[in-house]
Amino acid sequence: MTHRLKKEKNFSYLEVGEGQPIIILHGLMGGLSNFDAVSNYFSVKGYKIIIPELPIYSMSLLKTNVKSFANYLYDFIEFKELNDVILLGNSLGGHIGLFHTKLYPKKVKALIITGSSGLYESAMGGGYTKRSDYEVIRKKAQDVFYDPEVATKEIVDEVYETVNDRNKLIKTLAIAKSAIRHNMSKDLPKMNVPTCIIWGKNDIVTPPEVATEFHELLPDSDLFWIDKCGHAAMMEHPDEFNKILDSWLTARNF
């Protein structure tokens, strides 16, 4: 995406398009560029796409948790003077969106989650004992996708740099523990927000049964599957992801 990162107050974010706001929440090691296809598609279809940079590695260690990021999102929405937002989150971003909706339901018009934590995730911050071994990290990055080719050298390099930065690794482990601690199975049945669940059938980080459980627990949800797809559907199958989401938004009059 060639759009300039806006820096205002304590926030850095991308913003493109006009209309109904969709706030996109990236995952733990996911860059804003992971959502290029979503941004390019929906920003010309009557939606304002906003992607804040979450302060995953800049919060104090005590505040490196799901609840703090949900509150940060609230502050961002207040700063932008937005109402009735649609939240779209992948992985940790989905969890932050869900937790924010639990805390501040009046602000959220709809939710879209894909590969979201909040019920279960396979060792989001674990398995980095051999973090100095580039090949081990490359394999871990490839495991996120059904097609290992999606894990470009750029993606692998970014993960390698993150897990070999002591401060970032400590924060990564803190977030992983927080995600487990902030399990939402008891909260979801009380959350009546319309939710679109788009899931890779071959996701090994948050396996398919997690999507089924989200669907069963959320009172107003629709579940869609993408075949031959891992943990980041919007990257691995962007056209199919956009088509599913567009149809859902249209059906729900968003």
Protein backbone atom coordinates (compact mmCIF):
# COMPACT_ATOMS: atom_id res chain seq x y z
CA MET A 1 0.00 0.00 0.00
CA THR A 2 1.42 3.36 -0.99
CA HIS A 3 -0.76 5.41 1.35
CA ARG A 4 1.11 7.57 3.85
CA LEU A 5 1.06 6.65 7.52
CA LYS A 6 -0.66 9.45 9.44
CA LYS A 7 0.81 10.36 12.82
CA GLU A 8 -1.48 12.34 15.12
CA LYS A 9 -1.40 12.61 18.91
CA ASN A 10 -0.23 9.14 20.11
CA PHE A 11 -1.55 7.33 17.05
CA SER A 12 -0.09 6.13 13.76
CA TYR A 13 -2.54 4.84 11.20
CA LEU A 14 -3.43 4.39 7.56
CA GLU A 15 -6.68 5.82 6.25
CA VAL A 16 -8.14 5.46 2.77
CA GLY A 17 -11.60 5.84 1.24
CA GLU A 18 -14.79 7.52 2.43
CA GLY A 19 -17.97 6.16 3.98
CA GLN A 20 -18.79 3.55 6.64
CA PRO A 21 -15.66 3.16 8.80
CA ILE A 22 -13.99 -0.26 8.94
CA ILE A 23 -11.15 -0.40 11.46
CA ILE A 24 -8.67 -3.18 10.70
CA LEU A 25 -6.72 -4.75 13.57
CA HIS A 26 -3.50 -6.54 12.67
CA GLY A 27 -2.10 -9.57 14.47
CA LEU A 28 0.95 -10.07 16.66
CA MET A 29 3.51 -10.26 13.86
CA GLY A 30 1.26 -8.97 11.12
CA GLY A 31 2.14 -5.75 9.33
CA LEU A 32 -0.40 -3.26 8.02
CA SER A 33 0.47 -4.38 4.48
CA ASN A 34 -1.16 -7.77 5.20
CA PHE A 35 -4.46 -6.00 4.51
CA ASP A 36 -3.50 -4.29 1.23
CA ALA A 37 -6.01 -6.31 -0.80
CA VAL A 38 -8.83 -5.60 1.67
CA SER A 39 -8.01 -1.87 1.77
CA ASN A 40 -7.73 -1.50 -1.99
CA TYR A 41 -11.00 -3.36 -2.58
CA PHE A 42 -13.28 -1.80 0.04
CA SER A 43 -11.92 1.77 -0.02
CA VAL A 44 -13.58 2.30 -3.43
CA LYS A 45 -16.86 0.67 -2.37
CA GLY A 46 -18.17 3.22 0.11
CA TYR A 47 -16.02 2.33 3.11
CA LYS A 48 -13.40 4.32 5.00
CA ILE A 49 -10.62 1.85 5.81
CA ILE A 50 -8.58 2.74 8.89
CA ILE A 51 -5.65 0.61 10.08
CA PRO A 52 -4.07 1.77 13.35
CA GLU A 53 -0.60 0.59 14.29
CA LEU A 54 -1.20 -1.24 17.55
CA PRO A 55 1.41 -0.44 20.25
CA ILE A 56 2.31 -4.10 20.65
CA TYR A 57 6.00 -3.48 21.39
CA SER A 58 5.81 0.05 22.80
CA MET A 59 3.44 -0.39 25.77
CA SER A 60 5.00 -0.97 29.19
CA LEU A 61 5.24 -4.67 30.03
CA LEU A 62 2.44 -4.29 32.62
CA LYS A 63 0.15 -2.98 29.89
CA THR A 64 1.14 -5.53 27.25
CA ASN A 65 -2.16 -7.37 27.31
CA VAL A 66 -5.41 -7.76 25.39
CA LYS A 67 -7.40 -5.44 27.67
CA SER A 68 -4.92 -2.56 27.31
CA PHE A 69 -5.00 -2.88 23.52
CA ALA A 70 -8.83 -2.92 23.60
CA ASN A 71 -8.72 0.32 25.62
CA TYR A 72 -6.16 1.78 23.21
CA LEU A 73 -8.62 1.03 20.39
CA TYR A 74 -11.37 2.82 22.33
CA ASP A 75 -9.11 5.88 22.72
CA PHE A 76 -8.36 5.80 19.01
CA ILE A 77 -12.07 5.60 18.06
CA GLU A 78 -12.77 8.53 20.43
CA PHE A 79 -9.88 10.52 18.96
CA LYS A 80 -11.23 9.94 15.43
CA GLU A 81 -14.75 10.84 16.66
CA LEU A 82 -16.19 7.68 15.12
CA ASN A 83 -19.42 5.86 15.91
CA ASP A 84 -20.92 2.61 14.63
CA VAL A 85 -17.59 1.20 13.49
CA ILE A 86 -17.05 -2.18 11.89
CA LEU A 87 -14.03 -3.98 13.35
CA LEU A 88 -12.04 -6.47 11.25
CA GLY A 89 -9.33 -8.44 13.06
CA ASN A 90 -6.93 -11.25 12.24
CA SER A 91 -5.37 -13.44 14.95
CA LEU A 92 -4.59 -11.23 18.00
CA GLY A 93 -6.38 -8.38 16.18
CA GLY A 94 -9.60 -10.41 16.20
CA HIS A 95 -9.23 -10.99 19.93
CA ILE A 96 -8.69 -7.26 20.55
CA GLY A 97 -11.79 -6.50 18.48
CA LEU A 98 -13.85 -9.02 20.43
CA PHE A 99 -12.63 -7.76 23.80
CA HIS A 100 -13.21 -4.12 22.80
CA THR A 101 -16.77 -5.07 21.78
CA LYS A 102 -17.33 -6.71 25.16
CA LEU A 103 -16.18 -3.52 26.95
CA TYR A 104 -17.72 -0.92 24.60
CA PRO A 105 -20.62 -2.55 22.70
CA LYS A 106 -22.30 0.75 21.79
CA LYS A 107 -19.39 1.76 19.56
CA VAL A 108 -19.41 -1.37 17.40
CA LYS A 109 -21.83 -1.96 14.53
CA ALA A 110 -20.36 -5.28 13.37
CA LEU A 111 -17.37 -7.59 13.77
CA ILE A 112 -15.33 -9.58 11.25
CA ILE A 113 -12.89 -12.14 12.66
CA THR A 114 -10.45 -14.39 10.84
CA GLY A 115 -8.02 -16.78 12.55
CA SER A 116 -8.87 -15.01 15.81
CA SER A 117 -7.48 -15.87 19.22
CA GLY A 118 -9.82 -15.57 22.20
CA LEU A 119 -10.79 -19.22 22.59
CA TYR A 120 -7.69 -21.15 21.63
CA GLU A 121 -4.46 -20.63 19.73
CA SER A 122 -1.54 -22.98 19.23
CA ALA A 123 1.51 -21.53 20.99
CA MET A 124 1.22 -18.02 19.62
CA GLY A 125 4.32 -16.96 21.51
CA GLY A 126 5.93 -20.33 22.10
CA GLY A 127 8.51 -22.49 20.40
CA TYR A 128 11.22 -19.85 20.03
CA THR A 129 13.91 -21.65 22.00
CA LYS A 130 15.91 -21.97 18.77
CA ARG A 131 15.13 -18.42 17.74
CA SER A 132 18.66 -17.77 16.46
CA ASP A 133 18.21 -20.55 13.87
CA TYR A 134 16.86 -18.83 10.74
CA GLU A 135 15.61 -22.11 9.23
CA VAL A 136 13.55 -22.88 12.35
CA ILE A 137 11.95 -19.43 12.17
CA ARG A 138 11.34 -19.82 8.43
CA LYS A 139 9.49 -23.09 9.07
CA LYS A 140 7.37 -21.46 11.81
CA ALA A 141 6.47 -18.58 9.49
CA GLN A 142 5.57 -21.02 6.69
CA ASP A 143 3.34 -23.02 9.05
CA VAL A 144 1.05 -19.99 9.33
CA PHE A 145 0.02 -20.53 5.70
CA TYR A 146 -1.34 -23.49 3.77
CA ASP A 147 1.00 -22.55 0.91
CA PRO A 148 4.50 -22.03 2.35
CA GLU A 149 5.38 -19.80 -0.62
CA VAL A 150 3.19 -17.06 0.88
CA ALA A 151 5.84 -16.70 3.63
CA THR A 152 8.14 -14.47 1.60
CA LYS A 153 11.71 -13.74 2.67
CA GLU A 154 10.50 -10.32 3.82
CA ILE A 155 7.94 -11.92 6.16
CA VAL A 156 10.46 -14.45 7.51
CA ASP A 157 13.06 -11.70 8.05
CA GLU A 158 10.54 -9.64 10.02
CA VAL A 159 9.64 -12.57 12.30
CA TYR A 160 13.34 -13.44 12.73
CA GLU A 161 14.16 -9.85 13.69
CA THR A 162 11.23 -9.73 16.15
CA VAL A 163 12.05 -12.93 18.03
CA ASN A 164 15.75 -12.04 18.22
CA ASP A 165 15.00 -8.66 19.77
CA ARG A 166 14.91 -9.40 23.51
CA ASN A 167 12.41 -6.64 24.31
CA LYS A 168 10.06 -7.72 21.51
CA LEU A 169 10.33 -11.40 22.48
CA ILE A 170 9.41 -10.62 26.12
CA LYS A 171 6.40 -8.62 24.90
CA THR A 172 5.43 -11.41 22.48
CA LEU A 173 5.42 -13.95 25.31
CA ALA A 174 3.46 -11.54 27.55
CA ILE A 175 0.80 -11.11 24.86
CA ALA A 176 0.58 -14.86 24.30
CA LYS A 177 -0.03 -15.41 28.03
CA SER A 178 -2.56 -12.57 28.07
CA ALA A 179 -4.46 -14.09 25.13
CA ILE A 180 -4.83 -17.35 27.07
CA ARG A 181 -5.82 -15.44 30.25
CA HIS A 182 -8.46 -13.40 28.41
CA ASN A 183 -10.45 -16.43 27.23
CA MET A 184 -13.83 -15.23 25.98
CA SER A 185 -15.96 -18.38 26.03
CA LYS A 186 -18.17 -17.00 28.85
CA ASP A 187 -18.48 -13.54 27.25
CA LEU A 188 -19.39 -14.47 23.68
CA PRO A 189 -23.01 -15.65 24.33
CA LYS A 190 -23.80 -12.15 25.70
CA MET A 191 -22.39 -10.34 22.64
CA ASN A 192 -25.20 -9.69 20.18
CA VAL A 193 -23.17 -7.79 17.59
CA PRO A 194 -23.47 -9.16 14.01
CA THR A 195 -20.27 -11.13 13.37
CA CYS A 196 -18.76 -12.47 10.15
CA ILE A 197 -16.37 -15.37 10.75
CA ILE A 198 -14.06 -16.14 7.80
CA TRP A 199 -11.71 -19.06 8.44
CA GLY A 200 -9.06 -21.09 6.65
CA LYS A 201 -9.95 -24.79 6.60
CA ASN A 202 -6.25 -25.62 7.03
CA ASP A 203 -5.43 -23.19 9.85
CA ILE A 204 -3.14 -24.95 12.36
CA VAL A 205 -2.68 -21.92 14.65
CA THR A 206 -6.40 -21.53 15.38
CA PRO A 207 -7.80 -24.79 13.96
CA PRO A 208 -11.24 -25.06 12.27
CA GLU A 209 -12.95 -26.26 15.46
CA VAL A 210 -12.15 -22.83 16.97
CA ALA A 211 -14.19 -21.14 14.22
CA THR A 212 -17.05 -23.58 14.84
CA GLU A 213 -16.97 -22.77 18.55
CA PHE A 214 -16.99 -19.01 17.87
CA HIS A 215 -20.00 -19.56 15.61
CA GLU A 216 -21.82 -21.62 18.25
CA LEU A 217 -21.14 -19.17 21.08
CA LEU A 218 -21.82 -15.86 19.28
CA PRO A 219 -25.60 -15.27 19.05
CA ASP A 220 -25.58 -13.45 15.69
CA SER A 221 -22.77 -14.90 13.58
CA ASP A 222 -22.24 -16.31 10.09
CA LEU A 223 -19.38 -18.71 9.37
CA PHE A 224 -17.58 -18.97 6.03
CA TRP A 225 -14.77 -21.35 5.09
CA ILE A 226 -11.90 -20.89 2.66
CA ASP A 227 -10.32 -24.12 1.42
CA LYS A 228 -6.54 -24.65 1.12
CA CYS A 229 -6.05 -21.74 3.47
CA GLY A 230 -4.13 -21.23 6.70
CA HIS A 231 -4.17 -18.60 9.44
CA ALA A 232 -4.25 -15.39 7.35
CA ALA A 233 -7.07 -15.78 4.82
CA MET A 234 -6.95 -12.13 3.70
CA MET A 235 -3.32 -12.67 2.57
CA GLU A 236 -3.51 -16.20 1.20
CA HIS A 237 -6.83 -15.92 -0.67
CA PRO A 238 -7.47 -12.16 -0.89
CA ASP A 239 -10.01 -12.30 -3.75
CA GLU A 240 -12.13 -14.98 -2.09
CA PHE A 241 -11.87 -13.23 1.28
CA ASN A 242 -13.05 -9.92 -0.22
CA LYS A 243 -15.89 -11.60 -2.12
CA ILE A 244 -17.19 -13.34 1.03
CA LEU A 245 -16.93 -10.17 3.09
CA ASP A 246 -18.53 -7.98 0.40
CA SER A 247 -21.50 -10.37 0.13
CA TRP A 248 -21.91 -10.47 3.91
CA LEU A 249 -21.77 -6.66 4.27
CA THR A 250 -24.34 -6.34 1.47
CA ALA A 251 -26.64 -9.00 2.98
CA ARG A 252 -26.48 -7.24 6.36
CA ASN A 253 -26.99 -3.78 4.84
CA PHE A 254 -23.67 -2.44 6.09
